[in-house]
Protein backbone atom coordinates (compact mmCIF):
# COMPACT_ATOMS: atom_id res chain seq x y z
CA UNK A 1 0.14 0.21 -0.02
CA UNK A 2 1.55 3.32 -0.93
CA UNK A 3 1.51 6.39 1.42
CA UNK A 4 -1.52 7.83 -0.31
CA UNK A 5 -3.63 4.84 -0.85
CA UNK A 6 -3.21 4.48 3.06
CA UNK A 7 -3.31 7.85 4.01
CA UNK A 8 -7.21 8.10 2.17
CA UNK A 9 -7.52 4.63 3.99
CA UNK A 10 -6.76 6.79 7.55
CA UNK A 11 -8.87 9.29 6.68
CA UNK A 12 -12.20 7.10 5.54
CA UNK A 13 -11.19 5.69 9.23
CA UNK A 14 -11.56 9.04 10.75
CA UNK A 15 -14.54 9.67 8.79
CA UNK A 16 -16.34 7.24 10.41
CA UNK A 17 -14.33 7.75 13.46
CA UNK A 18 -15.83 11.24 14.19
CA UNK A 19 -19.35 10.50 13.68
CA UNK A 20 -19.14 7.82 16.36
CA UNK A 21 -17.30 10.67 18.42
CA UNK A 22 -19.77 13.30 17.57
CA UNK A 23 -22.48 11.06 18.71
CA UNK A 24 -20.27 9.71 22.33
CA UNK A 25 -19.61 13.16 22.74
CA UNK A 26 -23.71 14.42 22.63
CA UNK A 27 -24.82 11.66 24.98
CA UNK A 28 -22.75 12.03 26.90
CA UNK A 29 -23.71 15.58 27.17
CA UNK A 30 -26.76 15.41 27.14
CA UNK A 31 -27.29 12.58 29.81
CA UNK A 32 -24.85 14.48 32.23
CA UNK A 33 -26.50 17.83 31.86
CA UNK A 34 -30.02 16.41 29.76
CA UNK A 35 -29.32 20.39 27.67
CA UNK A 36 -27.45 20.88 24.31
CA UNK A 37 -23.62 22.82 24.25
CA UNK A 38 -22.53 22.57 21.55
CA UNK A 39 -19.02 24.73 22.82
CA UNK A 40 -19.04 21.73 25.75
CA UNK A 41 -19.24 19.46 22.35
CA UNK A 42 -16.18 21.24 20.10
CA UNK A 43 -13.97 20.95 23.28
CA UNK A 44 -14.45 16.91 23.41
CA UNK A 45 -14.29 17.54 19.18
CA UNK A 46 -12.18 19.96 18.62
CA UNK A 47 -8.91 18.43 16.41
CA UNK A 48 -7.01 20.44 19.74
CA UNK A 49 -8.44 18.04 22.35
CA UNK A 50 -7.31 15.12 20.49
CA UNK A 51 -4.24 16.00 18.87
CA UNK A 52 -3.12 15.40 23.01
CA UNK A 53 -3.36 11.77 22.61
CA UNK A 54 -2.19 12.22 18.53
CA UNK A 55 -2.53 13.50 14.65
CA UNK A 56 -6.38 14.01 15.24
CA UNK A 57 -6.84 12.02 12.12
CA UNK A 58 -5.52 8.89 13.82
CA UNK A 59 -7.55 9.30 16.57
CA UNK A 60 -10.19 9.54 14.55
CA UNK A 61 -9.23 6.87 12.20
CA UNK A 62 -8.51 4.22 15.33
CA UNK A 63 -11.81 5.11 16.80
CA UNK A 64 -13.37 3.89 13.22
CA UNK A 65 -11.83 0.82 13.46
CA UNK A 66 -12.48 0.10 16.23
CA UNK A 67 -16.74 1.09 15.37
CA UNK A 68 -16.28 -1.37 12.69
CA UNK A 69 -14.83 -4.52 14.15
CA UNK A 70 -16.23 -3.81 17.98
CA UNK A 71 -19.30 -2.23 16.93
CA UNK A 72 -20.70 0.82 19.01
CA UNK A 73 -21.06 0.58 22.54
CA UNK A 74 -17.19 -0.54 22.41
CA UNK A 75 -15.90 2.54 20.59
CA UNK A 76 -17.71 4.15 23.14
CA UNK A 77 -15.91 2.54 25.84
CA UNK A 78 -12.44 2.94 24.07
CA UNK A 79 -13.49 6.75 23.99
CA UNK A 80 -14.36 6.62 27.26
CA UNK A 81 -11.16 4.97 28.47
CA UNK A 82 -8.79 6.65 25.95
CA UNK A 83 -10.19 10.05 25.73
CA UNK A 84 -12.66 11.07 28.10
CA UNK A 85 -10.04 11.23 31.80
CA UNK A 86 -8.13 14.01 30.76
CA UNK A 87 -10.86 15.52 28.50
CA UNK A 88 -12.85 15.65 32.65
CA UNK A 89 -9.73 16.54 33.88
CA UNK A 90 -9.61 20.03 31.46
CA UNK A 91 -13.11 20.57 32.38
CA UNK A 92 -12.29 20.79 35.30
CA UNK A 93 -9.23 23.15 35.20
CA UNK A 94 -11.45 24.92 32.89
CA UNK A 95 -14.53 25.62 34.92
CA UNK A 96 -12.37 25.58 38.50
CA UNK A 97 -10.56 28.68 36.39
CA UNK A 98 -13.87 30.28 34.99
CA UNK A 99 -15.43 30.82 39.13
CA UNK A 100 -12.29 32.00 40.06
CA UNK A 101 -12.81 34.79 37.82
CA UNK A 102 -15.98 35.14 38.41
CA UNK A 103 -15.59 35.57 42.81
CA UNK A 104 -12.61 37.97 42.13
CA UNK A 105 -15.55 40.90 40.63
């Protein structure tokens, strides 16, 4: 397989992985807050966040491969166990910073 063919394969897998991640994020946000939160969704699915784990398309491709081989619940479990610990820590830090800055007013 040439590097161009491999890149096309990764992008195809990433396209599916991106959709799975988006569904996971929307379900998690709705389950936790009961409301649509586009800003939180953006933080959870952004390339900036995914880059903490590697090249974003590669991370999404890995999610896509898990989905294709093992199904949606396995892909959700992968996201939960591999990505969400960091996301939760970042959110806690962001929330703490917001709370402290509002408390200073």
